[in-house]
Amino acid sequence: MEIFFKNITPEEDTAEKLLRDLKALKDDTEELFLATGSKIAEKSKQKFLSAVEKARAAAHEVQDQAASGLEATEKAIHRYPFSAVGVAFGLGLLIGVIVNRR
């Protein structure tokens, strides 16, 4: 699969950065739980850690859906290039008319 528009995504992959941030949050929170000892209930600790894991799973799912959507879009553009250009032109024209309408 070829990707023609590499500049659509930022230099640093946002999903990977989110996952790194979630891991850092989880690690820091575990350190906090260890430092506070028994002051924080075990139920609260488990609830937070499960929420972090759910967020991580959701981020992976969104990343997978975005990748499949990108692949489907590229296939459609390769299959119908003139239609894709026509739709892009029409949307640009419509947005231009709406913006300049005052």
N, C-alpha and C. Protein backbone atom coordinates (compact mmCIF):
# COMPACT_ATOMS: atom_id res chain seq x y z
N MET A 1 0.84 -1.17 0.00
CA MET A 1 0.00 0.00 0.00
C MET A 1 0.89 1.23 0.00
N GLU A 2 0.60 2.13 -0.90
CA GLU A 2 1.34 3.39 -0.97
C GLU A 2 0.57 4.48 -0.25
N ILE A 3 1.31 5.35 0.39
CA ILE A 3 0.69 6.52 1.01
C ILE A 3 1.25 7.74 0.30
N PHE A 4 0.38 8.46 -0.38
CA PHE A 4 0.82 9.60 -1.17
C PHE A 4 0.88 10.88 -0.36
N PHE A 5 0.10 10.96 0.69
CA PHE A 5 0.03 12.19 1.47
C PHE A 5 0.64 11.96 2.84
N LYS A 6 1.94 11.93 2.91
CA LYS A 6 2.62 11.67 4.17
C LYS A 6 2.53 12.85 5.11
N ASN A 7 2.22 14.03 4.59
CA ASN A 7 2.17 15.21 5.44
C ASN A 7 0.83 15.36 6.16
N ILE A 8 -0.08 14.42 5.98
CA ILE A 8 -1.37 14.48 6.67
C ILE A 8 -1.18 14.24 8.16
N THR A 9 -0.28 13.34 8.50
CA THR A 9 -0.05 13.03 9.90
C THR A 9 1.14 13.82 10.41
N PRO A 10 1.13 14.15 11.71
CA PRO A 10 2.27 14.88 12.26
C PRO A 10 3.53 14.02 12.27
N GLU A 11 4.67 14.68 12.45
CA GLU A 11 5.94 13.96 12.45
C GLU A 11 5.96 12.87 13.51
N GLU A 12 5.54 13.21 14.71
CA GLU A 12 5.49 12.22 15.77
C GLU A 12 4.08 11.64 15.80
N ASP A 13 3.98 10.33 15.70
CA ASP A 13 2.68 9.69 15.63
C ASP A 13 1.89 9.97 16.91
N THR A 14 0.74 10.57 16.77
CA THR A 14 -0.05 11.02 17.91
C THR A 14 -0.54 9.85 18.75
N ALA A 15 -0.96 8.78 18.12
CA ALA A 15 -1.45 7.62 18.88
C ALA A 15 -0.34 7.00 19.71
N GLU A 16 0.85 6.89 19.12
CA GLU A 16 1.97 6.34 19.88
C GLU A 16 2.34 7.25 21.04
N LYS A 17 2.28 8.55 20.83
CA LYS A 17 2.57 9.49 21.90
C LYS A 17 1.54 9.36 23.02
N LEU A 18 0.27 9.19 22.65
CA LEU A 18 -0.79 9.01 23.63
C LEU A 18 -0.54 7.76 24.46
N LEU A 19 -0.17 6.66 23.79
CA LEU A 19 0.09 5.43 24.51
C LEU A 19 1.29 5.58 25.45
N ARG A 20 2.33 6.28 25.01
CA ARG A 20 3.49 6.52 25.89
C ARG A 20 3.07 7.35 27.09
N ASP A 21 2.24 8.37 26.84
CA ASP A 21 1.78 9.22 27.94
C ASP A 21 0.92 8.44 28.93
N LEU A 22 0.07 7.54 28.42
CA LEU A 22 -0.75 6.72 29.30
C LEU A 22 0.11 5.79 30.15
N LYS A 23 1.15 5.23 29.53
CA LYS A 23 2.05 4.35 30.29
C LYS A 23 2.79 5.15 31.36
N ALA A 24 3.24 6.34 31.02
CA ALA A 24 3.91 7.19 32.01
C ALA A 24 2.96 7.56 33.14
N LEU A 25 1.72 7.86 32.80
CA LEU A 25 0.72 8.18 33.82
C LEU A 25 0.49 7.00 34.74
N LYS A 26 0.39 5.81 34.15
CA LYS A 26 0.18 4.61 34.95
C LYS A 26 1.37 4.37 35.87
N ASP A 27 2.58 4.49 35.34
CA ASP A 27 3.78 4.28 36.16
C ASP A 27 3.87 5.30 37.29
N ASP A 28 3.62 6.56 36.97
CA ASP A 28 3.67 7.60 38.00
C ASP A 28 2.61 7.39 39.07
N THR A 29 1.44 6.95 38.65
CA THR A 29 0.36 6.72 39.62
C THR A 29 0.69 5.53 40.52
N GLU A 30 1.30 4.49 39.95
CA GLU A 30 1.71 3.36 40.78
C GLU A 30 2.75 3.79 41.81
N GLU A 31 3.67 4.66 41.40
CA GLU A 31 4.65 5.19 42.35
C GLU A 31 3.95 5.99 43.45
N LEU A 32 2.94 6.76 43.06
CA LEU A 32 2.19 7.53 44.05
C LEU A 32 1.47 6.60 45.02
N PHE A 33 0.87 5.53 44.48
CA PHE A 33 0.18 4.57 45.35
C PHE A 33 1.16 3.93 46.34
N LEU A 34 2.36 3.61 45.86
CA LEU A 34 3.37 3.02 46.75
C LEU A 34 3.84 4.02 47.80
N ALA A 35 3.97 5.27 47.40
CA ALA A 35 4.45 6.30 48.33
C ALA A 35 3.42 6.61 49.42
N THR A 36 2.15 6.58 49.05
CA THR A 36 1.11 6.90 50.03
C THR A 36 0.75 5.70 50.88
N GLY A 37 1.15 4.54 50.46
CA GLY A 37 0.90 3.35 51.26
C GLY A 37 -0.56 3.01 51.34
N SER A 38 -1.04 2.83 52.55
CA SER A 38 -2.42 2.38 52.75
C SER A 38 -3.42 3.53 52.79
N LYS A 39 -2.96 4.75 52.50
CA LYS A 39 -3.86 5.90 52.55
C LYS A 39 -4.89 5.88 51.43
N ILE A 40 -4.55 5.24 50.32
CA ILE A 40 -5.46 5.14 49.19
C ILE A 40 -6.04 3.73 49.17
N ALA A 41 -7.33 3.64 49.07
CA ALA A 41 -8.00 2.34 49.09
C ALA A 41 -7.59 1.51 47.87
N GLU A 42 -7.48 0.24 48.09
CA GLU A 42 -7.11 -0.68 47.01
C GLU A 42 -8.16 -0.66 45.89
N LYS A 43 -9.42 -0.47 46.26
CA LYS A 43 -10.49 -0.41 45.26
C LYS A 43 -10.29 0.78 44.33
N SER A 44 -9.91 1.93 44.88
CA SER A 44 -9.66 3.12 44.06
C SER A 44 -8.48 2.91 43.13
N LYS A 45 -7.46 2.26 43.66
CA LYS A 45 -6.27 1.99 42.86
C LYS A 45 -6.62 1.10 41.67
N GLN A 46 -7.34 0.02 41.91
CA GLN A 46 -7.71 -0.90 40.84
C GLN A 46 -8.65 -0.23 39.83
N LYS A 47 -9.53 0.61 40.33
CA LYS A 47 -10.45 1.32 39.43
C LYS A 47 -9.68 2.24 38.49
N PHE A 48 -8.70 2.96 39.02
CA PHE A 48 -7.90 3.85 38.19
C PHE A 48 -7.08 3.06 37.17
N LEU A 49 -6.42 2.00 37.62
CA LEU A 49 -5.59 1.22 36.70
C LEU A 49 -6.43 0.57 35.61
N SER A 50 -7.64 0.14 35.93
CA SER A 50 -8.49 -0.44 34.89
C SER A 50 -8.95 0.63 33.91
N ALA A 51 -9.18 1.85 34.39
CA ALA A 51 -9.55 2.95 33.49
C ALA A 51 -8.42 3.27 32.52
N VAL A 52 -7.19 3.24 33.01
CA VAL A 52 -6.03 3.50 32.15
C VAL A 52 -5.92 2.40 31.09
N GLU A 53 -6.13 1.17 31.47
CA GLU A 53 -6.07 0.07 30.51
C GLU A 53 -7.18 0.18 29.46
N LYS A 54 -8.38 0.58 29.88
CA LYS A 54 -9.47 0.78 28.93
C LYS A 54 -9.14 1.89 27.94
N ALA A 55 -8.52 2.96 28.44
CA ALA A 55 -8.13 4.06 27.55
C ALA A 55 -7.08 3.60 26.55
N ARG A 56 -6.16 2.79 27.01
CA ARG A 56 -5.13 2.26 26.11
C ARG A 56 -5.76 1.39 25.03
N ALA A 57 -6.69 0.53 25.42
CA ALA A 57 -7.36 -0.34 24.45
C ALA A 57 -8.17 0.49 23.45
N ALA A 58 -8.83 1.53 23.94
CA ALA A 58 -9.60 2.40 23.05
C ALA A 58 -8.68 3.12 22.06
N ALA A 59 -7.52 3.55 22.52
CA ALA A 59 -6.56 4.22 21.62
C ALA A 59 -6.09 3.27 20.53
N HIS A 60 -5.83 2.02 20.89
CA HIS A 60 -5.43 1.03 19.88
C HIS A 60 -6.55 0.79 18.88
N GLU A 61 -7.78 0.72 19.37
CA GLU A 61 -8.91 0.48 18.48
C GLU A 61 -9.12 1.65 17.51
N VAL A 62 -9.01 2.86 18.00
CA VAL A 62 -9.14 4.04 17.14
C VAL A 62 -8.04 4.07 16.09
N GLN A 63 -6.83 3.72 16.51
CA GLN A 63 -5.71 3.69 15.57
C GLN A 63 -5.96 2.65 14.47
N ASP A 64 -6.46 1.48 14.83
CA ASP A 64 -6.75 0.45 13.84
C ASP A 64 -7.86 0.88 12.89
N GLN A 65 -8.91 1.53 13.42
CA GLN A 65 -10.01 2.00 12.58
C GLN A 65 -9.53 3.09 11.62
N ALA A 66 -8.67 3.97 12.11
CA ALA A 66 -8.16 5.03 11.24
C ALA A 66 -7.32 4.45 10.11
N ALA A 67 -6.51 3.45 10.43
CA ALA A 67 -5.69 2.82 9.40
C ALA A 67 -6.55 2.14 8.35
N SER A 68 -7.60 1.44 8.77
CA SER A 68 -8.46 0.78 7.78
C SER A 68 -9.24 1.80 6.96
N GLY A 69 -9.64 2.91 7.59
CA GLY A 69 -10.33 3.97 6.85
C GLY A 69 -9.43 4.61 5.82
N LEU A 70 -8.17 4.82 6.19
CA LEU A 70 -7.20 5.40 5.26
C LEU A 70 -6.99 4.47 4.07
N GLU A 71 -6.88 3.19 4.35
CA GLU A 71 -6.68 2.22 3.27
C GLU A 71 -7.88 2.19 2.33
N ALA A 72 -9.09 2.21 2.89
CA ALA A 72 -10.29 2.20 2.06
C ALA A 72 -10.39 3.46 1.21
N THR A 73 -10.03 4.60 1.80
CA THR A 73 -10.07 5.87 1.06
C THR A 73 -9.07 5.86 -0.09
N GLU A 74 -7.87 5.36 0.18
CA GLU A 74 -6.86 5.30 -0.89
C GLU A 74 -7.30 4.38 -2.02
N LYS A 75 -7.93 3.25 -1.68
CA LYS A 75 -8.42 2.35 -2.73
C LYS A 75 -9.50 3.02 -3.56
N ALA A 76 -10.40 3.76 -2.91
CA ALA A 76 -11.47 4.44 -3.64
C ALA A 76 -10.91 5.52 -4.54
N ILE A 77 -9.91 6.25 -4.07
CA ILE A 77 -9.31 7.30 -4.88
C ILE A 77 -8.58 6.71 -6.08
N HIS A 78 -7.91 5.58 -5.88
CA HIS A 78 -7.22 4.94 -7.01
C HIS A 78 -8.21 4.36 -8.00
N ARG A 79 -9.35 3.87 -7.51
CA ARG A 79 -10.34 3.27 -8.39
C ARG A 79 -11.11 4.33 -9.17
N TYR A 80 -11.43 5.45 -8.52
CA TYR A 80 -12.21 6.52 -9.14
C TYR A 80 -11.50 7.87 -8.99
N PRO A 81 -10.40 8.08 -9.69
CA PRO A 81 -9.63 9.32 -9.47
C PRO A 81 -10.38 10.58 -9.92
N PHE A 82 -11.10 10.52 -11.02
CA PHE A 82 -11.80 11.72 -11.50
C PHE A 82 -12.97 12.07 -10.60
N SER A 83 -13.65 11.08 -10.09
CA SER A 83 -14.73 11.34 -9.14
C SER A 83 -14.19 11.98 -7.87
N ALA A 84 -13.04 11.48 -7.41
CA ALA A 84 -12.44 12.04 -6.19
C ALA A 84 -12.06 13.50 -6.40
N VAL A 85 -11.51 13.83 -7.55
CA VAL A 85 -11.16 15.22 -7.84
C VAL A 85 -12.42 16.07 -7.95
N GLY A 86 -13.45 15.54 -8.57
CA GLY A 86 -14.72 16.27 -8.69
C GLY A 86 -15.36 16.54 -7.33
N VAL A 87 -15.35 15.56 -6.47
CA VAL A 87 -15.92 15.74 -5.13
C VAL A 87 -15.10 16.78 -4.36
N ALA A 88 -13.78 16.68 -4.43
CA ALA A 88 -12.93 17.65 -3.73
C ALA A 88 -13.17 19.06 -4.26
N PHE A 89 -13.30 19.20 -5.58
CA PHE A 89 -13.57 20.51 -6.17
C PHE A 89 -14.92 21.04 -5.71
N GLY A 90 -15.94 20.19 -5.74
CA GLY A 90 -17.28 20.59 -5.32
C GLY A 90 -17.32 21.01 -3.85
N LEU A 91 -16.66 20.26 -2.99
CA LEU A 91 -16.61 20.64 -1.57
C LEU A 91 -15.87 21.95 -1.37
N GLY A 92 -14.77 22.12 -2.08
CA GLY A 92 -14.02 23.38 -1.99
C GLY A 92 -14.85 24.55 -2.45
N LEU A 93 -15.57 24.37 -3.54
CA LEU A 93 -16.44 25.43 -4.06
C LEU A 93 -17.56 25.75 -3.07
N LEU A 94 -18.17 24.74 -2.51
CA LEU A 94 -19.24 24.93 -1.53
C LEU A 94 -18.73 25.66 -0.29
N ILE A 95 -17.60 25.25 0.22
CA ILE A 95 -17.01 25.91 1.39
C ILE A 95 -16.66 27.36 1.06
N GLY A 96 -16.12 27.59 -0.13
CA GLY A 96 -15.79 28.95 -0.54
C GLY A 96 -17.01 29.84 -0.62
N VAL A 97 -18.10 29.32 -1.16
CA VAL A 97 -19.33 30.10 -1.25
C VAL A 97 -19.87 30.39 0.15
N ILE A 98 -19.84 29.43 1.01
CA ILE A 98 -20.35 29.64 2.38
C ILE A 98 -19.50 30.65 3.13
N VAL A 99 -18.21 30.57 2.99
CA VAL A 99 -17.30 31.48 3.70
C VAL A 99 -17.44 32.92 3.19
N ASN A 100 -17.56 33.07 1.88
CA ASN A 100 -17.65 34.41 1.29
C ASN A 100 -19.06 35.00 1.32
N ARG A 101 -20.02 34.27 1.78
CA ARG A 101 -21.40 34.71 1.83
C ARG A 101 -21.62 35.60 3.05
N ARG A 102 -21.90 36.85 2.84
CA ARG A 102 -22.13 37.78 3.96
C ARG A 102 -22.96 38.91 3.50
